[in-house]
C-alpha atoms as a PDB file:
ATOM      1  CA  MET A   1     -15.487  52.713 -18.386  1.00  0.00           C
ATOM      2  CA  CYS A   2     -13.770  55.793 -19.755  1.00  0.00           C
ATOM      3  CA  ILE A   3     -12.968  53.970 -22.995  1.00  0.00           C
ATOM      4  CA  TRP A   4     -16.590  52.799 -23.317  1.00  0.00           C
ATOM      5  CA  PHE A   5     -17.927  56.336 -22.923  1.00  0.00           C
ATOM      6  CA  SER A   6     -15.280  57.665 -25.302  1.00  0.00           C
ATOM      7  CA  LYS A   7     -16.524  55.236 -27.961  1.00  0.00           C
ATOM      8  CA  LEU A   8     -19.948  56.822 -27.511  1.00  0.00           C
ATOM      9  CA  TYR A   9     -18.299  60.235 -28.049  1.00  0.00           C
ATOM     10  CA  LEU A  10     -19.163  61.357 -24.522  1.00  0.00           C
ATOM     11  CA  PRO A  11     -16.516  63.480 -22.816  1.00  0.00           C
ATOM     12  CA  ILE A  12     -15.479  62.701 -19.265  1.00  0.00           C
ATOM     13  CA  ASN A  13     -16.147  66.055 -17.602  1.00  0.00           C
ATOM     14  CA  VAL A  14     -15.585  65.448 -13.890  1.00  0.00           C
ATOM     15  CA  VAL A  15     -13.694  62.765 -11.952  1.00  0.00           C
ATOM     16  CA  ARG A  16     -13.847  62.693  -8.152  1.00  0.00           C
ATOM     17  CA  ILE A  17     -12.432  60.244  -5.597  1.00  0.00           C
ATOM     18  CA  ASP A  18     -14.344  59.820  -2.339  1.00  0.00           C
ATOM     19  CA  GLU A  19     -11.507  59.770   0.184  1.00  0.00           C
ATOM     20  CA  ARG A  20     -13.670  58.016   2.797  1.00  0.00           C
ATOM     21  CA  THR A  21     -14.567  54.997   0.662  1.00  0.00           C
ATOM     22  CA  GLY A  22     -12.031  55.064  -2.172  1.00  0.00           C
ATOM     23  CA  ASN A  23     -14.863  55.081  -4.706  1.00  0.00           C
ATOM     24  CA  VAL A  24     -14.462  57.032  -7.932  1.00  0.00           C
ATOM     25  CA  PHE A  25     -17.318  59.061  -9.420  1.00  0.00           C
ATOM     26  CA  PHE A  26     -17.290  60.499 -12.888  1.00  0.00           C
ATOM     27  CA  LEU A  27     -19.616  62.552 -14.999  1.00  0.00           C
ATOM     28  CA  ALA A  28     -19.726  61.473 -18.644  1.00  0.00           C
ATOM     29  CA  GLY A  29     -21.340  63.779 -21.150  1.00  0.00           C
ATOM     30  CA  GLU A  30     -23.685  66.166 -19.435  1.00  0.00           C
ATOM     31  CA  GLU A  31     -25.849  63.777 -17.436  1.00  0.00           C
ATOM     32  CA  ASN A  32     -24.362  60.287 -16.887  1.00  0.00           C
ATOM     33  CA  ILE A  33     -22.900  59.538 -13.459  1.00  0.00           C
ATOM     34  CA  ILE A  34     -20.893  56.365 -12.826  1.00  0.00           C
ATOM     35  CA  GLU A  35     -19.580  55.140  -9.477  1.00  0.00           C
ATOM     36  CA  ILE A  36     -16.629  52.742  -9.425  1.00  0.00           C
ATOM     37  CA  TYR A  37     -16.033  50.897  -6.164  1.00  0.00           C
ATOM     38  CA  SER A  38     -12.584  50.191  -4.755  1.00  0.00           C
ATOM     39  CA  ASP A  39     -12.970  46.492  -5.685  1.00  0.00           C
ATOM     40  CA  GLY A  40     -13.430  47.412  -9.379  1.00  0.00           C
ATOM     41  CA  LYS A  41     -17.192  46.866  -9.582  1.00  0.00           C
ATOM     42  CA  TRP A  42     -19.244  49.771 -10.856  1.00  0.00           C
ATOM     43  CA  ARG A  43     -22.799  51.035 -11.069  1.00  0.00           C
ATOM     44  CA  TYR A  44     -24.668  53.529 -13.165  1.00  0.00           C
ATOM     45  CA  VAL A  45     -25.932  56.081 -10.659  1.00  0.00           C
ATOM     46  CA  GLY A  46     -28.140  57.754 -13.219  1.00  0.00           C
ATOM     47  CA  TRP A  47     -28.391  61.111 -14.775  1.00  0.00           C
ATOM     48  CA  VAL A  48     -28.458  64.487 -13.181  1.00  0.00           C
ATOM     49  CA  SER A  49     -30.389  67.481 -14.388  1.00  0.00           C
ATOM     50  CA  LEU A  50     -28.364  70.626 -13.893  1.00  0.00           C
ATOM     51  CA  THR A  51     -30.381  73.804 -13.705  1.00  0.00           C
ATOM     52  CA  LEU A  52     -29.056  77.247 -13.039  1.00  0.00           C
ATOM     53  CA  LYS A  53     -31.075  79.627 -10.915  1.00  0.00           C
ATOM     54  CA  GLN A  54     -30.892  83.267 -11.832  1.00  0.00           C
END
């Protein structure tokens, strides 16, 4: 997955492992969230809109 996003010139900004399930989440670019399950399957969670409150 990381190679695929790199080919699209999207940086991998955040990688997080859920210690309860063993799933890996990563944020590619500014909006794309991918979840990789412990069995190697993955899903596109979607995009997130980050807004900062002042």
